[in-house]
Amino acid sequence: MAQRITVTCYAGYKADERPTSFKLEERTFAVQEVIDRWYDQDSNYFEVVVEDGSQYLLRHDLNYDAWELVQQRDPEGEDENL
């Protein structure tokens, strides 16, 4: 099950264009790179890399304007589905 998170975004030509950081539990992660993104009817997905090399899959639910952490992968490539 996905975990709700707080996300700070870059807003260019549209709101919430891409995540720049997110808070998971008590820790804030700075997004170093968006390596993939795709758009669904009700959600936008962003696969990001943070400063320690870990990868996270973030989902922005457009109906509720809510962000969720869907998947986490550590620098060694081990998946942790949430």
PDB file of N, CA and C in Angstrom:
ATOM      1  N   MET A   1       0.841  -1.182   0.000  1.00  0.00           N
ATOM      2  CA  MET A   1       0.000   0.000   0.000  1.00  0.00           C
ATOM      3  C   MET A   1       0.887   1.247   0.000  1.00  0.00           C
ATOM      4  N   ALA A   2       0.495   2.227  -0.759  1.00  0.00           N
ATOM      5  CA  ALA A   2       1.254   3.472  -0.869  1.00  0.00           C
ATOM      6  C   ALA A   2       1.195   4.261   0.438  1.00  0.00           C
ATOM      7  N   GLN A   3       2.233   5.045   0.670  1.00  0.00           N
ATOM      8  CA  GLN A   3       2.346   5.854   1.881  1.00  0.00           C
ATOM      9  C   GLN A   3       2.236   7.327   1.518  1.00  0.00           C
ATOM     10  N   ARG A   4       1.387   8.060   2.222  1.00  0.00           N
ATOM     11  CA  ARG A   4       1.234   9.498   1.969  1.00  0.00           C
ATOM     12  C   ARG A   4       2.506  10.231   2.353  1.00  0.00           C
ATOM     13  N   ILE A   5       2.865  11.213   1.514  1.00  0.00           N
ATOM     14  CA  ILE A   5       4.052  12.020   1.757  1.00  0.00           C
ATOM     15  C   ILE A   5       3.733  13.480   1.447  1.00  0.00           C
ATOM     16  N   THR A   6       4.593  14.363   1.937  1.00  0.00           N
ATOM     17  CA  THR A   6       4.506  15.783   1.625  1.00  0.00           C
ATOM     18  C   THR A   6       5.572  16.094   0.584  1.00  0.00           C
ATOM     19  N   VAL A   7       5.173  16.765  -0.497  1.00  0.00           N
ATOM     20  CA  VAL A   7       6.083  17.023  -1.612  1.00  0.00           C
ATOM     21  C   VAL A   7       6.143  18.518  -1.904  1.00  0.00           C
ATOM     22  N   THR A   8       7.345  19.020  -2.152  1.00  0.00           N
ATOM     23  CA  THR A   8       7.556  20.377  -2.645  1.00  0.00           C
ATOM     24  C   THR A   8       7.856  20.260  -4.130  1.00  0.00           C
ATOM     25  N   CYS A   9       7.218  21.111  -4.919  1.00  0.00           N
ATOM     26  CA  CYS A   9       7.332  20.993  -6.375  1.00  0.00           C
ATOM     27  C   CYS A   9       7.826  22.270  -7.025  1.00  0.00           C
ATOM     28  N   TYR A  10       8.427  22.090  -8.185  1.00  0.00           N
ATOM     29  CA  TYR A  10       8.714  23.191  -9.082  1.00  0.00           C
ATOM     30  C   TYR A  10       7.434  23.464  -9.859  1.00  0.00           C
ATOM     31  N   ALA A  11       7.057  24.714  -9.945  1.00  0.00           N
ATOM     32  CA  ALA A  11       5.873  25.100 -10.716  1.00  0.00           C
ATOM     33  C   ALA A  11       6.329  26.027 -11.828  1.00  0.00           C
ATOM     34  N   GLY A  12       6.352  25.514 -13.030  1.00  0.00           N
ATOM     35  CA  GLY A  12       6.737  26.305 -14.194  1.00  0.00           C
ATOM     36  C   GLY A  12       5.497  26.726 -14.940  1.00  0.00           C
ATOM     37  N   TYR A  13       5.306  26.147 -16.114  1.00  0.00           N
ATOM     38  CA  TYR A  13       4.127  26.496 -16.903  1.00  0.00           C
ATOM     39  C   TYR A  13       2.856  25.879 -16.339  1.00  0.00           C
ATOM     40  N   LYS A  14       2.996  24.938 -15.381  1.00  0.00           N
ATOM     41  CA  LYS A  14       1.819  24.387 -14.703  1.00  0.00           C
ATOM     42  C   LYS A  14       2.181  24.107 -13.250  1.00  0.00           C
ATOM     43  N   ALA A  15       1.174  24.017 -12.407  1.00  0.00           N
ATOM     44  CA  ALA A  15       1.396  23.735 -10.987  1.00  0.00           C
ATOM     45  C   ALA A  15       1.900  22.304 -10.820  1.00  0.00           C
ATOM     46  N   ASP A  16       2.718  22.090  -9.806  1.00  0.00           N
ATOM     47  CA  ASP A  16       3.240  20.756  -9.496  1.00  0.00           C
ATOM     48  C   ASP A  16       3.861  20.084 -10.719  1.00  0.00           C
ATOM     49  N   GLU A  17       4.671  20.847 -11.441  1.00  0.00           N
ATOM     50  CA  GLU A  17       5.273  20.334 -12.681  1.00  0.00           C
ATOM     51  C   GLU A  17       6.193  19.145 -12.421  1.00  0.00           C
ATOM     52  N   ARG A  18       7.012  19.237 -11.350  1.00  0.00           N
ATOM     53  CA  ARG A  18       7.888  18.124 -10.983  1.00  0.00           C
ATOM     54  C   ARG A  18       8.305  18.286  -9.522  1.00  0.00           C
ATOM     55  N   PRO A  19       8.513  17.179  -8.820  1.00  0.00           N
ATOM     56  CA  PRO A  19       8.919  17.264  -7.413  1.00  0.00           C
ATOM     57  C   PRO A  19      10.375  17.706  -7.274  1.00  0.00           C
ATOM     58  N   THR A  20      10.632  18.543  -6.271  1.00  0.00           N
ATOM     59  CA  THR A  20      11.999  18.966  -5.967  1.00  0.00           C
ATOM     60  C   THR A  20      12.485  18.387  -4.637  1.00  0.00           C
ATOM     61  N   SER A  21      11.552  18.051  -3.753  1.00  0.00           N
ATOM     62  CA  SER A  21      11.882  17.380  -2.495  1.00  0.00           C
ATOM     63  C   SER A  21      10.615  16.746  -1.942  1.00  0.00           C
ATOM     64  N   PHE A  22      10.816  15.813  -1.017  1.00  0.00           N
ATOM     65  CA  PHE A  22       9.663  15.214  -0.346  1.00  0.00           C
ATOM     66  C   PHE A  22      10.052  14.825   1.069  1.00  0.00           C
ATOM     67  N   LYS A  23       9.047  14.769   1.936  1.00  0.00           N
ATOM     68  CA  LYS A  23       9.259  14.430   3.334  1.00  0.00           C
ATOM     69  C   LYS A  23       8.629  13.075   3.600  1.00  0.00           C
ATOM     70  N   LEU A  24       9.447  12.157   4.094  1.00  0.00           N
ATOM     71  CA  LEU A  24       9.023  10.812   4.444  1.00  0.00           C
ATOM     72  C   LEU A  24       9.312  10.619   5.917  1.00  0.00           C
ATOM     73  N   GLU A  25       8.254  10.400   6.691  1.00  0.00           N
ATOM     74  CA  GLU A  25       8.349  10.355   8.139  1.00  0.00           C
ATOM     75  C   GLU A  25       8.952  11.678   8.604  1.00  0.00           C
ATOM     76  N   GLU A  26      10.106  11.681   9.226  1.00  0.00           N
ATOM     77  CA  GLU A  26      10.693  12.935   9.717  1.00  0.00           C
ATOM     78  C   GLU A  26      11.871  13.409   8.869  1.00  0.00           C
ATOM     79  N   ARG A  27      12.122  12.747   7.752  1.00  0.00           N
ATOM     80  CA  ARG A  27      13.295  13.068   6.936  1.00  0.00           C
ATOM     81  C   ARG A  27      12.877  13.705   5.617  1.00  0.00           C
ATOM     82  N   THR A  28      13.624  14.730   5.198  1.00  0.00           N
ATOM     83  CA  THR A  28      13.382  15.384   3.917  1.00  0.00           C
ATOM     84  C   THR A  28      14.435  14.920   2.917  1.00  0.00           C
ATOM     85  N   PHE A  29      13.979  14.550   1.730  1.00  0.00           N
ATOM     86  CA  PHE A  29      14.844  14.072   0.652  1.00  0.00           C
ATOM     87  C   PHE A  29      14.831  15.088  -0.481  1.00  0.00           C
ATOM     88  N   ALA A  30      16.003  15.527  -0.906  1.00  0.00           N
ATOM     89  CA  ALA A  30      16.118  16.432  -2.048  1.00  0.00           C
ATOM     90  C   ALA A  30      16.190  15.594  -3.321  1.00  0.00           C
ATOM     91  N   VAL A  31      15.348  15.916  -4.273  1.00  0.00           N
ATOM     92  CA  VAL A  31      15.345  15.206  -5.550  1.00  0.00           C
ATOM     93  C   VAL A  31      16.512  15.723  -6.385  1.00  0.00           C
ATOM     94  N   GLN A  32      17.404  14.822  -6.768  1.00  0.00           N
ATOM     95  CA  GLN A  32      18.552  15.175  -7.599  1.00  0.00           C
ATOM     96  C   GLN A  32      18.215  15.097  -9.080  1.00  0.00           C
ATOM     97  N   GLU A  33      17.329  14.138  -9.425  1.00  0.00           N
ATOM     98  CA  GLU A  33      17.002  13.930 -10.836  1.00  0.00           C
ATOM     99  C   GLU A  33      15.655  13.222 -10.959  1.00  0.00           C
ATOM    100  N   VAL A  34      14.876  13.634 -11.931  1.00  0.00           N
ATOM    101  CA  VAL A  34      13.673  12.901 -12.322  1.00  0.00           C
ATOM    102  C   VAL A  34      14.101  12.030 -13.497  1.00  0.00           C
ATOM    103  N   ILE A  35      14.127  10.698 -13.292  1.00  0.00           N
ATOM    104  CA  ILE A  35      14.631   9.812 -14.345  1.00  0.00           C
ATOM    105  C   ILE A  35      13.523   9.279 -15.250  1.00  0.00           C
ATOM    106  N   ASP A  36      12.289   9.380 -14.801  1.00  0.00           N
ATOM    107  CA  ASP A  36      11.161   8.978 -15.644  1.00  0.00           C
ATOM    108  C   ASP A  36       9.909   9.639 -15.100  1.00  0.00           C
ATOM    109  N   ARG A  37       8.964   9.843 -15.978  1.00  0.00           N
ATOM    110  CA  ARG A  37       7.660  10.372 -15.568  1.00  0.00           C
ATOM    111  C   ARG A  37       6.634   9.887 -16.565  1.00  0.00           C
ATOM    112  N   TRP A  38       5.434   9.671 -16.088  1.00  0.00           N
ATOM    113  CA  TRP A  38       4.344   9.321 -16.981  1.00  0.00           C
ATOM    114  C   TRP A  38       3.048   9.813 -16.376  1.00  0.00           C
ATOM    115  N   TYR A  39       2.085   9.968 -17.249  1.00  0.00           N
ATOM    116  CA  TYR A  39       0.828  10.604 -16.878  1.00  0.00           C
ATOM    117  C   TYR A  39      -0.322   9.646 -17.133  1.00  0.00           C
ATOM    118  N   ASP A  40      -1.164   9.511 -16.140  1.00  0.00           N
ATOM    119  CA  ASP A  40      -2.361   8.687 -16.198  1.00  0.00           C
ATOM    120  C   ASP A  40      -3.552   9.637 -16.154  1.00  0.00           C
ATOM    121  N   GLN A  41      -4.722   9.115 -16.327  1.00  0.00           N
ATOM    122  CA  GLN A  41      -5.908   9.977 -16.301  1.00  0.00           C
ATOM    123  C   GLN A  41      -6.083  10.665 -14.949  1.00  0.00           C
ATOM    124  N   ASP A  42      -5.843   9.934 -13.870  1.00  0.00           N
ATOM    125  CA  ASP A  42      -6.083  10.469 -12.532  1.00  0.00           C
ATOM    126  C   ASP A  42      -4.815  10.735 -11.724  1.00  0.00           C
ATOM    127  N   SER A  43      -3.659  10.350 -12.238  1.00  0.00           N
ATOM    128  CA  SER A  43      -2.414  10.477 -11.474  1.00  0.00           C
ATOM    129  C   SER A  43      -1.240  10.786 -12.388  1.00  0.00           C
ATOM    130  N   ASN A  44      -0.249  11.466 -11.820  1.00  0.00           N
ATOM    131  CA  ASN A  44       1.043  11.658 -12.469  1.00  0.00           C
ATOM    132  C   ASN A  44       2.074  10.889 -11.649  1.00  0.00           C
ATOM    133  N   TYR A  45       2.995  10.221 -12.324  1.00  0.00           N
ATOM    134  CA  TYR A  45       4.021   9.419 -11.670  1.00  0.00           C
ATOM    135  C   TYR A  45       5.391   9.996 -11.981  1.00  0.00           C
ATOM    136  N   PHE A  46       6.267   9.979 -10.963  1.00  0.00           N
ATOM    137  CA  PHE A  46       7.624  10.485 -11.114  1.00  0.00           C
ATOM    138  C   PHE A  46       8.581   9.491 -10.473  1.00  0.00           C
ATOM    139  N   GLU A  47       9.526   8.992 -11.251  1.00  0.00           N
ATOM    140  CA  GLU A  47      10.586   8.164 -10.709  1.00  0.00           C
ATOM    141  C   GLU A  47      11.778   9.082 -10.489  1.00  0.00           C
ATOM    142  N   VAL A  48      12.216   9.203  -9.236  1.00  0.00           N
ATOM    143  CA  VAL A  48      13.236  10.184  -8.877  1.00  0.00           C
ATOM    144  C   VAL A  48      14.423   9.516  -8.191  1.00  0.00           C
ATOM    145  N   VAL A  49      15.561  10.212  -8.248  1.00  0.00           N
ATOM    146  CA  VAL A  49      16.771   9.812  -7.530  1.00  0.00           C
ATOM    147  C   VAL A  49      17.060  10.901  -6.510  1.00  0.00           C
ATOM    148  N   VAL A  50      17.366  10.485  -5.266  1.00  0.00           N
ATOM    149  CA  VAL A  50      17.700  11.440  -4.208  1.00  0.00           C
ATOM    150  C   VAL A  50      19.206  11.431  -3.966  1.00  0.00           C
ATOM    151  N   GLU A  51      19.653  12.272  -3.033  1.00  0.00           N
ATOM    152  CA  GLU A  51      21.082  12.527  -2.843  1.00  0.00           C
ATOM    153  C   GLU A  51      21.908  11.290  -2.492  1.00  0.00           C
ATOM    154  N   ASP A  52      21.345  10.269  -1.857  1.00  0.00           N
ATOM    155  CA  ASP A  52      22.129   9.074  -1.520  1.00  0.00           C
ATOM    156  C   ASP A  52      22.091   8.006  -2.611  1.00  0.00           C
ATOM    157  N   GLY A  53      21.460   8.318  -3.746  1.00  0.00           N
ATOM    158  CA  GLY A  53      21.389   7.380  -4.859  1.00  0.00           C
ATOM    159  C   GLY A  53      20.160   6.496  -4.866  1.00  0.00           C
ATOM    160  N   SER A  54      19.362   6.556  -3.811  1.00  0.00           N
ATOM    161  CA  SER A  54      18.128   5.764  -3.766  1.00  0.00           C
ATOM    162  C   SER A  54      17.127   6.306  -4.772  1.00  0.00           C
ATOM    163  N   GLN A  55      16.288   5.405  -5.286  1.00  0.00           N
ATOM    164  CA  GLN A  55      15.246   5.790  -6.232  1.00  0.00           C
ATOM    165  C   GLN A  55      13.884   5.613  -5.580  1.00  0.00           C
ATOM    166  N   TYR A  56      12.987   6.529  -5.896  1.00  0.00           N
ATOM    167  CA  TYR A  56      11.634   6.493  -5.354  1.00  0.00           C
ATOM    168  C   TYR A  56      10.641   6.722  -6.479  1.00  0.00           C
ATOM    169  N   LEU A  57       9.519   6.027  -6.397  1.00  0.00           N
ATOM    170  CA  LEU A  57       8.421   6.247  -7.328  1.00  0.00           C
ATOM    171  C   LEU A  57       7.341   7.006  -6.570  1.00  0.00           C
ATOM    172  N   LEU A  58       7.076   8.235  -7.011  1.00  0.00           N
ATOM    173  CA  LEU A  58       6.089   9.102  -6.376  1.00  0.00           C
ATOM    174  C   LEU A  58       4.864   9.213  -7.276  1.00  0.00           C
ATOM    175  N   ARG A  59       3.688   9.228  -6.656  1.00  0.00           N
ATOM    176  CA  ARG A  59       2.442   9.384  -7.408  1.00  0.00           C
ATOM    177  C   ARG A  59       1.693  10.604  -6.886  1.00  0.00           C
ATOM    178  N   HIS A  60       1.258  11.449  -7.812  1.00  0.00           N
ATOM    179  CA  HIS A  60       0.433  12.604  -7.474  1.00  0.00           C
ATOM    180  C   HIS A  60      -0.988  12.294  -7.910  1.00  0.00           C
ATOM    181  N   ASP A  61      -1.872  12.084  -6.947  1.00  0.00           N
ATOM    182  CA  ASP A  61      -3.284  11.819  -7.224  1.00  0.00           C
ATOM    183  C   ASP A  61      -3.948  13.152  -7.541  1.00  0.00           C
ATOM    184  N   LEU A  62      -4.344  13.325  -8.783  1.00  0.00           N
ATOM    185  CA  LEU A  62      -4.889  14.605  -9.231  1.00  0.00           C
ATOM    186  C   LEU A  62      -6.283  14.877  -8.690  1.00  0.00           C
ATOM    187  N   ASN A  63      -7.050  13.842  -8.396  1.00  0.00           N
ATOM    188  CA  ASN A  63      -8.405  14.036  -7.872  1.00  0.00           C
ATOM    189  C   ASN A  63      -8.400  14.591  -6.455  1.00  0.00           C
ATOM    190  N   TYR A  64      -7.419  14.168  -5.653  1.00  0.00           N
ATOM    191  CA  TYR A  64      -7.353  14.590  -4.251  1.00  0.00           C
ATOM    192  C   TYR A  64      -6.191  15.539  -3.977  1.00  0.00           C
ATOM    193  N   ASP A  65      -5.401  15.863  -5.006  1.00  0.00           N
ATOM    194  CA  ASP A  65      -4.202  16.680  -4.855  1.00  0.00           C
ATOM    195  C   ASP A  65      -3.347  16.153  -3.709  1.00  0.00           C
ATOM    196  N   ALA A  66      -3.122  14.831  -3.718  1.00  0.00           N
ATOM    197  CA  ALA A  66      -2.362  14.154  -2.671  1.00  0.00           C
ATOM    198  C   ALA A  66      -1.195  13.400  -3.296  1.00  0.00           C
ATOM    199  N   TRP A  67      -0.092  13.347  -2.560  1.00  0.00           N
ATOM    200  CA  TRP A  67       1.103  12.645  -3.019  1.00  0.00           C
ATOM    201  C   TRP A  67       1.301  11.376  -2.206  1.00  0.00           C
ATOM    202  N   GLU A  68       1.804  10.335  -2.884  1.00  0.00           N
ATOM    203  CA  GLU A  68       2.074   9.057  -2.232  1.00  0.00           C
ATOM    204  C   GLU A  68       3.407   8.498  -2.714  1.00  0.00           C
ATOM    205  N   LEU A  69       4.081   7.805  -1.804  1.00  0.00           N
ATOM    206  CA  LEU A  69       5.274   7.044  -2.147  1.00  0.00           C
ATOM    207  C   LEU A  69       4.815   5.641  -2.512  1.00  0.00           C
ATOM    208  N   VAL A  70       5.089   5.223  -3.738  1.00  0.00           N
ATOM    209  CA  VAL A  70       4.620   3.933  -4.235  1.00  0.00           C
ATOM    210  C   VAL A  70       5.687   2.859  -4.081  1.00  0.00           C
ATOM    211  N   GLN A  71       6.947   3.217  -4.372  1.00  0.00           N
ATOM    212  CA  GLN A  71       8.024   2.234  -4.340  1.00  0.00           C
ATOM    213  C   GLN A  71       9.331   2.919  -3.987  1.00  0.00           C
ATOM    214  N   GLN A  72      10.193   2.165  -3.303  1.00  0.00           N
ATOM    215  CA  GLN A  72      11.511   2.663  -2.920  1.00  0.00           C
ATOM    216  C   GLN A  72      12.553   1.638  -3.348  1.00  0.00           C
ATOM    217  N   ARG A  73      13.660   2.105  -3.931  1.00  0.00           N
ATOM    218  CA  ARG A  73      14.759   1.223  -4.330  1.00  0.00           C
ATOM    219  C   ARG A  73      16.047   1.817  -3.789  1.00  0.00           C
ATOM    220  N   ASP A  74      16.785   1.019  -3.006  1.00  0.00           N
ATOM    221  CA  ASP A  74      18.037   1.521  -2.448  1.00  0.00           C
ATOM    222  C   ASP A  74      19.124   1.542  -3.529  1.00  0.00           C
ATOM    223  N   PRO A  75      20.291   2.142  -3.241  1.00  0.00           N
ATOM    224  CA  PRO A  75      21.346   2.265  -4.257  1.00  0.00           C
ATOM    225  C   PRO A  75      21.841   0.922  -4.811  1.00  0.00           C
ATOM    226  N   GLU A  76      21.654  -0.169  -4.072  1.00  0.00           N
ATOM    227  CA  GLU A  76      22.070  -1.495  -4.545  1.00  0.00           C
ATOM    228  C   GLU A  76      21.017  -2.136  -5.439  1.00  0.00           C
ATOM    229  N   GLY A  77      19.874  -1.466  -5.629  1.00  0.00           N
ATOM    230  CA  GLY A  77      18.847  -1.976  -6.530  1.00  0.00           C
ATOM    231  C   GLY A  77      17.778  -2.825  -5.880  1.00  0.00           C
ATOM    232  N   GLU A  78      17.761  -2.913  -4.554  1.00  0.00           N
ATOM    233  CA  GLU A  78      16.748  -3.702  -3.853  1.00  0.00           C
ATOM    234  C   GLU A  78      15.443  -2.916  -3.767  1.00  0.00           C
ATOM    235  N   ASP A  79      14.347  -3.525  -4.214  1.00  0.00           N
ATOM    236  CA  ASP A  79      13.030  -2.887  -4.175  1.00  0.00           C
ATOM    237  C   ASP A  79      12.377  -3.066  -2.822  1.00  0.00           C
ATOM    238  N   GLU A  80      11.641  -2.042  -2.416  1.00  0.00           N
ATOM    239  CA  GLU A  80      10.793  -2.126  -1.237  1.00  0.00           C
ATOM    240  C   GLU A  80       9.439  -1.594  -1.655  1.00  0.00           C
ATOM    241  N   ASN A  81       8.510  -2.487  -1.956  1.00  0.00           N
ATOM    242  CA  ASN A  81       7.160  -2.068  -2.319  1.00  0.00           C
ATOM    243  C   ASN A  81       6.413  -1.652  -1.071  1.00  0.00           C
ATOM    244  N   LEU A  82       5.683  -0.570  -1.180  1.00  0.00           N
ATOM    245  CA  LEU A  82       4.946  -0.050  -0.029  1.00  0.00           C
ATOM    246  C   LEU A  82       3.486  -0.371  -0.153  1.00  0.00           C
TER     247      LEU A  82
END
